[in-house]
Protein backbone atom coordinates (compact mmCIF):
# COMPACT_ATOMS: atom_id res chain seq x y z
CA MET A 1 25.10 4.06 -13.15
CA MET A 2 25.49 1.30 -10.59
CA MET A 3 23.36 -1.82 -11.03
CA VAL A 4 22.30 -3.85 -8.01
CA ASN A 5 21.62 -7.52 -8.49
CA ALA A 6 19.18 -8.38 -5.72
CA LYS A 7 16.60 -11.11 -5.67
CA LEU A 8 13.24 -10.09 -4.26
CA THR A 9 11.67 -13.03 -2.47
CA SER A 10 8.44 -11.43 -1.31
CA LEU A 11 6.80 -8.06 -1.09
CA SER A 12 3.59 -7.02 0.62
CA LEU A 13 1.82 -4.01 -0.89
CA LEU A 14 -1.13 -1.96 0.21
CA VAL A 15 -2.84 -0.39 -2.80
CA VAL A 16 -4.93 2.64 -1.88
CA ASP A 17 -6.88 3.45 -5.02
CA ASP A 18 -10.52 3.66 -6.09
CA ASP A 19 -9.72 2.89 -9.76
CA ASP A 20 -10.42 -0.78 -10.53
CA ASP A 21 -8.37 -0.65 -13.74
CA PHE A 22 -5.26 0.47 -11.87
CA VAL A 23 -5.73 -2.27 -9.28
CA ASP A 24 -6.09 -4.82 -12.10
CA PHE A 25 -2.82 -3.51 -13.55
CA VAL A 26 -1.05 -3.99 -10.19
CA ALA A 27 -2.43 -7.53 -9.91
CA PHE A 28 -1.23 -8.36 -13.43
CA ALA A 29 2.23 -6.95 -12.71
CA LEU A 30 2.54 -9.01 -9.55
CA MET A 31 1.35 -12.19 -11.30
CA SER A 32 4.07 -11.80 -13.93
CA ASN A 33 6.76 -11.52 -11.23
CA PRO A 34 8.25 -14.80 -9.96
CA SER A 35 8.47 -13.50 -6.38
CA LYS A 36 5.83 -14.30 -3.80
CA SER A 37 4.41 -10.80 -3.72
CA SER A 38 0.92 -10.04 -2.48
CA PHE A 39 -1.26 -7.01 -2.10
CA SER A 40 -4.28 -5.76 -0.26
CA ARG A 41 -6.53 -3.04 -1.56
CA VAL A 42 -8.55 -0.30 0.05
CA SER A 43 -10.41 2.37 -1.89
CA ASN A 44 -10.42 5.49 0.30
CA GLY A 45 -8.22 7.36 2.74
CA GLU A 46 -10.16 6.58 5.89
CA GLU A 47 -10.06 2.87 5.09
CA ALA A 48 -6.30 3.10 4.42
CA LEU A 49 -5.64 4.53 7.86
CA ARG A 50 -7.86 1.91 9.54
CA TYR A 51 -5.85 -0.77 7.69
CA LEU A 52 -2.50 0.69 8.70
CA ARG A 53 -3.62 1.11 12.32
CA ASN A 54 -5.11 -2.41 12.46
CA GLU A 55 -8.54 -1.07 13.36
CA GLY A 56 -11.97 -2.61 12.80
CA GLU A 57 -12.06 -5.22 10.07
CA TYR A 58 -8.28 -4.83 9.59
CA VAL A 59 -7.30 -5.88 13.11
CA ASP A 60 -5.24 -8.80 11.71
CA ALA A 61 -3.76 -6.97 8.71
CA ASP A 62 0.01 -7.21 8.23
CA VAL A 63 2.12 -4.09 7.94
CA PRO A 64 2.79 -3.62 4.22
CA ASP A 65 6.32 -3.30 2.85
CA ILE A 66 5.16 -0.46 0.63
CA VAL A 67 2.01 1.60 0.06
CA LEU A 68 0.89 2.60 -3.44
CA LEU A 69 -1.18 5.68 -2.65
CA ASP A 70 -3.43 7.53 -5.08
CA LEU A 71 -3.51 11.20 -4.11
CA ASN A 72 -7.02 11.72 -5.46
CA ILE A 73 -9.12 9.30 -3.39
CA PRO A 74 -12.44 9.79 -1.61
CA ARG A 75 -13.17 10.53 2.04
CA LYS A 76 -9.62 11.53 3.00
CA ASN A 77 -7.32 12.45 0.13
CA GLY A 78 -3.87 10.96 -0.37
CA HIS A 79 -2.06 14.07 0.85
CA ASP A 80 -3.90 13.84 4.20
CA VAL A 81 -3.24 10.10 4.45
CA LEU A 82 0.47 10.66 3.80
CA ARG A 83 0.59 13.47 6.38
CA ASP A 84 -1.06 11.19 8.98
CA MET A 85 1.33 8.36 8.13
CA ARG A 86 4.42 10.55 8.47
CA GLY A 87 3.16 11.88 11.79
CA ASP A 88 2.64 8.43 13.29
CA PRO A 89 5.80 6.66 14.54
CA ASP A 90 4.29 3.25 13.75
CA MET A 91 3.72 4.17 10.09
CA SER A 92 6.35 6.80 9.33
CA ALA A 93 8.96 4.36 8.00
CA ILE A 94 6.65 2.65 5.48
CA PRO A 95 7.68 3.68 1.95
CA VAL A 96 4.90 5.36 -0.02
């Protein structure tokens, strides 16, 4: 197995999850990492797509480096969100 020695300087995450305990876990993991990582959180699929499209209250949101997507979320499930992301050229390259 090949090991890569890379230093991560910053990472921007979008957490799409309605489970507060999971979001707390993500926050704890990021706090214990010396990089300058940050995350934003939305709790349903419709809100996730508004965030990623910079619509409404998310007009100034940055494009995340990665999306942590719960598949079982309200309003629009994770499978539908992922399908919409992969079908949109502006979002299709974002790792999920």
